[in-house]
Amino acid sequence: MSDKPKSRDTLRGGETMIAIGLFMVVMAVPVLFGTIYAENFRAQVVNVVSGLVILAIGAGYVLRGWIVRKRSL
C-alpha cells in the first residue's frame, strides 16, 4: 500500500458529491409533500416512489461523498 498523499481533486470530488446529494435530498422533500395534493391513487403512488428513489440516490451520494472526503484527508 502506498503512502503518497491524496490529491486535492479527490477531496474536491467528495465535497461535490455531498453537495449534489444534499440537493437531491432537498428536492425529494417537495415531491414527497406533493403526495398529499395528488388527486388519485396512481399519482400518489408515483409521487411516493419517485420521491423515495430521489431521496435514496441523494443519501447515497452524501454517504459516498463523505467516505471519499474522509479517505482523502
N, C-alpha and C. Protein backbone atom coordinates (compact mmCIF):
# COMPACT_ATOMS: atom_id res chain seq x y z
N MET A 1 0.84 -1.17 0.00
CA MET A 1 0.00 0.00 0.00
C MET A 1 0.89 1.23 0.00
N SER A 2 0.59 2.18 -0.86
CA SER A 2 1.43 3.37 -0.96
C SER A 2 1.01 4.41 0.08
N ASP A 3 1.99 5.19 0.50
CA ASP A 3 1.74 6.22 1.49
C ASP A 3 1.73 7.61 0.87
N LYS A 4 1.53 7.70 -0.44
CA LYS A 4 1.54 9.02 -1.06
C LYS A 4 0.27 9.79 -0.69
N PRO A 5 0.38 11.10 -0.56
CA PRO A 5 -0.79 11.89 -0.15
C PRO A 5 -1.84 11.92 -1.25
N LYS A 6 -3.07 12.02 -0.86
CA LYS A 6 -4.17 12.10 -1.81
C LYS A 6 -4.20 13.49 -2.43
N SER A 7 -4.72 13.57 -3.62
CA SER A 7 -4.75 14.86 -4.30
C SER A 7 -5.92 15.69 -3.81
N ARG A 8 -5.83 16.97 -4.07
CA ARG A 8 -6.92 17.89 -3.70
C ARG A 8 -8.16 17.62 -4.53
N ASP A 9 -7.96 17.03 -5.73
CA ASP A 9 -9.10 16.71 -6.57
C ASP A 9 -10.00 15.66 -5.93
N THR A 10 -9.41 14.73 -5.20
CA THR A 10 -10.20 13.72 -4.51
C THR A 10 -11.04 14.36 -3.42
N LEU A 11 -10.46 15.27 -2.68
CA LEU A 11 -11.19 15.99 -1.64
C LEU A 11 -12.31 16.81 -2.26
N ARG A 12 -12.00 17.51 -3.33
CA ARG A 12 -13.00 18.33 -4.01
C ARG A 12 -14.11 17.47 -4.59
N GLY A 13 -13.77 16.29 -5.11
CA GLY A 13 -14.77 15.37 -5.64
C GLY A 13 -15.73 14.89 -4.57
N GLY A 14 -15.20 14.60 -3.39
CA GLY A 14 -16.05 14.18 -2.28
C GLY A 14 -16.99 15.29 -1.84
N GLU A 15 -16.48 16.51 -1.79
CA GLU A 15 -17.33 17.64 -1.41
C GLU A 15 -18.41 17.91 -2.45
N THR A 16 -18.06 17.72 -3.71
CA THR A 16 -19.05 17.89 -4.78
C THR A 16 -20.14 16.84 -4.67
N MET A 17 -19.76 15.62 -4.38
CA MET A 17 -20.77 14.57 -4.23
C MET A 17 -21.70 14.86 -3.07
N ILE A 18 -21.18 15.39 -1.98
CA ILE A 18 -22.01 15.76 -0.84
C ILE A 18 -22.99 16.85 -1.23
N ALA A 19 -22.52 17.85 -1.98
CA ALA A 19 -23.39 18.94 -2.39
C ALA A 19 -24.50 18.46 -3.32
N ILE A 20 -24.17 17.60 -4.26
CA ILE A 20 -25.18 17.06 -5.18
C ILE A 20 -26.18 16.21 -4.40
N GLY A 21 -25.69 15.41 -3.48
CA GLY A 21 -26.58 14.57 -2.68
C GLY A 21 -27.52 15.38 -1.82
N LEU A 22 -27.02 16.45 -1.20
CA LEU A 22 -27.90 17.30 -0.40
C LEU A 22 -28.95 17.99 -1.26
N PHE A 23 -28.56 18.40 -2.46
CA PHE A 23 -29.52 18.99 -3.38
C PHE A 23 -30.63 18.00 -3.72
N MET A 24 -30.26 16.76 -3.99
CA MET A 24 -31.27 15.75 -4.32
C MET A 24 -32.17 15.44 -3.14
N VAL A 25 -31.62 15.40 -1.94
CA VAL A 25 -32.44 15.17 -0.75
C VAL A 25 -33.43 16.31 -0.57
N VAL A 26 -32.96 17.54 -0.76
CA VAL A 26 -33.85 18.69 -0.61
C VAL A 26 -34.94 18.66 -1.68
N MET A 27 -34.61 18.24 -2.90
CA MET A 27 -35.61 18.18 -3.97
C MET A 27 -36.59 17.03 -3.78
N ALA A 28 -36.23 16.02 -3.03
CA ALA A 28 -37.14 14.91 -2.79
C ALA A 28 -38.26 15.30 -1.82
N VAL A 29 -37.99 16.27 -0.96
CA VAL A 29 -39.00 16.67 0.04
C VAL A 29 -40.26 17.22 -0.63
N PRO A 30 -40.18 18.15 -1.59
CA PRO A 30 -41.42 18.62 -2.23
C PRO A 30 -42.15 17.53 -3.01
N VAL A 31 -41.39 16.61 -3.59
CA VAL A 31 -42.03 15.51 -4.32
C VAL A 31 -42.84 14.66 -3.35
N LEU A 32 -42.26 14.35 -2.21
CA LEU A 32 -42.99 13.56 -1.21
C LEU A 32 -44.15 14.37 -0.63
N PHE A 33 -43.94 15.67 -0.45
CA PHE A 33 -45.01 16.53 0.06
C PHE A 33 -46.16 16.63 -0.95
N GLY A 34 -45.83 16.55 -2.24
CA GLY A 34 -46.85 16.61 -3.28
C GLY A 34 -47.80 15.42 -3.27
N THR A 35 -47.45 14.39 -2.56
CA THR A 35 -48.34 13.22 -2.45
C THR A 35 -49.66 13.60 -1.79
N ILE A 36 -49.62 14.55 -0.89
CA ILE A 36 -50.84 14.98 -0.19
C ILE A 36 -51.83 15.58 -1.17
N TYR A 37 -51.34 16.30 -2.18
CA TYR A 37 -52.21 17.00 -3.11
C TYR A 37 -52.52 16.23 -4.38
N ALA A 38 -52.05 15.02 -4.48
CA ALA A 38 -52.34 14.20 -5.66
C ALA A 38 -53.81 13.84 -5.68
N GLU A 39 -54.40 13.88 -6.87
CA GLU A 39 -55.85 13.69 -6.98
C GLU A 39 -56.28 12.24 -6.96
N ASN A 40 -55.48 11.34 -7.49
CA ASN A 40 -55.88 9.95 -7.49
C ASN A 40 -54.77 9.06 -6.93
N PHE A 41 -55.10 7.81 -6.77
CA PHE A 41 -54.18 6.88 -6.12
C PHE A 41 -52.91 6.65 -6.94
N ARG A 42 -53.05 6.57 -8.26
CA ARG A 42 -51.88 6.34 -9.10
C ARG A 42 -50.88 7.48 -8.97
N ALA A 43 -51.38 8.69 -8.94
CA ALA A 43 -50.49 9.85 -8.79
C ALA A 43 -49.79 9.82 -7.43
N GLN A 44 -50.50 9.38 -6.40
CA GLN A 44 -49.88 9.27 -5.08
C GLN A 44 -48.76 8.24 -5.08
N VAL A 45 -49.02 7.11 -5.72
CA VAL A 45 -48.01 6.05 -5.78
C VAL A 45 -46.78 6.54 -6.54
N VAL A 46 -47.01 7.22 -7.67
CA VAL A 46 -45.89 7.74 -8.46
C VAL A 46 -45.09 8.74 -7.65
N ASN A 47 -45.76 9.64 -6.93
CA ASN A 47 -45.06 10.63 -6.12
C ASN A 47 -44.24 9.98 -5.01
N VAL A 48 -44.82 9.01 -4.33
CA VAL A 48 -44.11 8.36 -3.23
C VAL A 48 -42.90 7.59 -3.74
N VAL A 49 -43.10 6.82 -4.80
CA VAL A 49 -42.00 6.01 -5.32
C VAL A 49 -40.88 6.90 -5.86
N SER A 50 -41.23 7.91 -6.65
CA SER A 50 -40.18 8.77 -7.21
C SER A 50 -39.49 9.58 -6.11
N GLY A 51 -40.25 10.04 -5.13
CA GLY A 51 -39.64 10.77 -4.02
C GLY A 51 -38.68 9.92 -3.22
N LEU A 52 -39.06 8.68 -2.97
CA LEU A 52 -38.18 7.78 -2.22
C LEU A 52 -36.93 7.40 -3.03
N VAL A 53 -37.09 7.25 -4.34
CA VAL A 53 -35.93 6.94 -5.18
C VAL A 53 -34.96 8.12 -5.19
N ILE A 54 -35.48 9.33 -5.37
CA ILE A 54 -34.62 10.52 -5.36
C ILE A 54 -33.94 10.66 -4.00
N LEU A 55 -34.69 10.43 -2.94
CA LEU A 55 -34.14 10.52 -1.59
C LEU A 55 -33.03 9.49 -1.37
N ALA A 56 -33.24 8.27 -1.83
CA ALA A 56 -32.23 7.22 -1.67
C ALA A 56 -30.97 7.53 -2.47
N ILE A 57 -31.13 8.01 -3.69
CA ILE A 57 -29.97 8.36 -4.51
C ILE A 57 -29.20 9.51 -3.87
N GLY A 58 -29.93 10.51 -3.39
CA GLY A 58 -29.28 11.64 -2.73
C GLY A 58 -28.53 11.22 -1.48
N ALA A 59 -29.16 10.36 -0.69
CA ALA A 59 -28.50 9.88 0.52
C ALA A 59 -27.27 9.05 0.17
N GLY A 60 -27.33 8.29 -0.92
CA GLY A 60 -26.18 7.52 -1.37
C GLY A 60 -25.03 8.41 -1.79
N TYR A 61 -25.35 9.51 -2.50
CA TYR A 61 -24.31 10.46 -2.88
C TYR A 61 -23.68 11.10 -1.66
N VAL A 62 -24.49 11.48 -0.69
CA VAL A 62 -23.95 12.10 0.53
C VAL A 62 -23.03 11.12 1.25
N LEU A 63 -23.48 9.89 1.39
CA LEU A 63 -22.67 8.88 2.08
C LEU A 63 -21.37 8.60 1.34
N ARG A 64 -21.45 8.43 0.03
CA ARG A 64 -20.25 8.16 -0.76
C ARG A 64 -19.30 9.35 -0.73
N GLY A 65 -19.84 10.56 -0.84
CA GLY A 65 -19.00 11.75 -0.77
C GLY A 65 -18.33 11.90 0.57
N TRP A 66 -19.04 11.56 1.62
CA TRP A 66 -18.48 11.65 2.97
C TRP A 66 -17.32 10.65 3.12
N ILE A 67 -17.52 9.45 2.58
CA ILE A 67 -16.46 8.43 2.67
C ILE A 67 -15.24 8.87 1.87
N VAL A 68 -15.46 9.36 0.65
CA VAL A 68 -14.35 9.81 -0.20
C VAL A 68 -13.62 10.97 0.49
N ARG A 69 -14.36 11.89 1.05
CA ARG A 69 -13.75 13.05 1.72
C ARG A 69 -12.91 12.61 2.92
N LYS A 70 -13.44 11.69 3.73
CA LYS A 70 -12.70 11.22 4.91
C LYS A 70 -11.42 10.49 4.50
N ARG A 71 -11.48 9.72 3.43
CA ARG A 71 -10.29 8.98 2.99
C ARG A 71 -9.23 9.90 2.41
N SER A 72 -9.64 11.06 1.91
CA SER A 72 -8.67 11.94 1.26
C SER A 72 -7.99 12.88 2.25
N LEU A 73 -8.44 12.91 3.47
CA LEU A 73 -7.82 13.79 4.47
C LEU A 73 -6.59 13.18 5.09
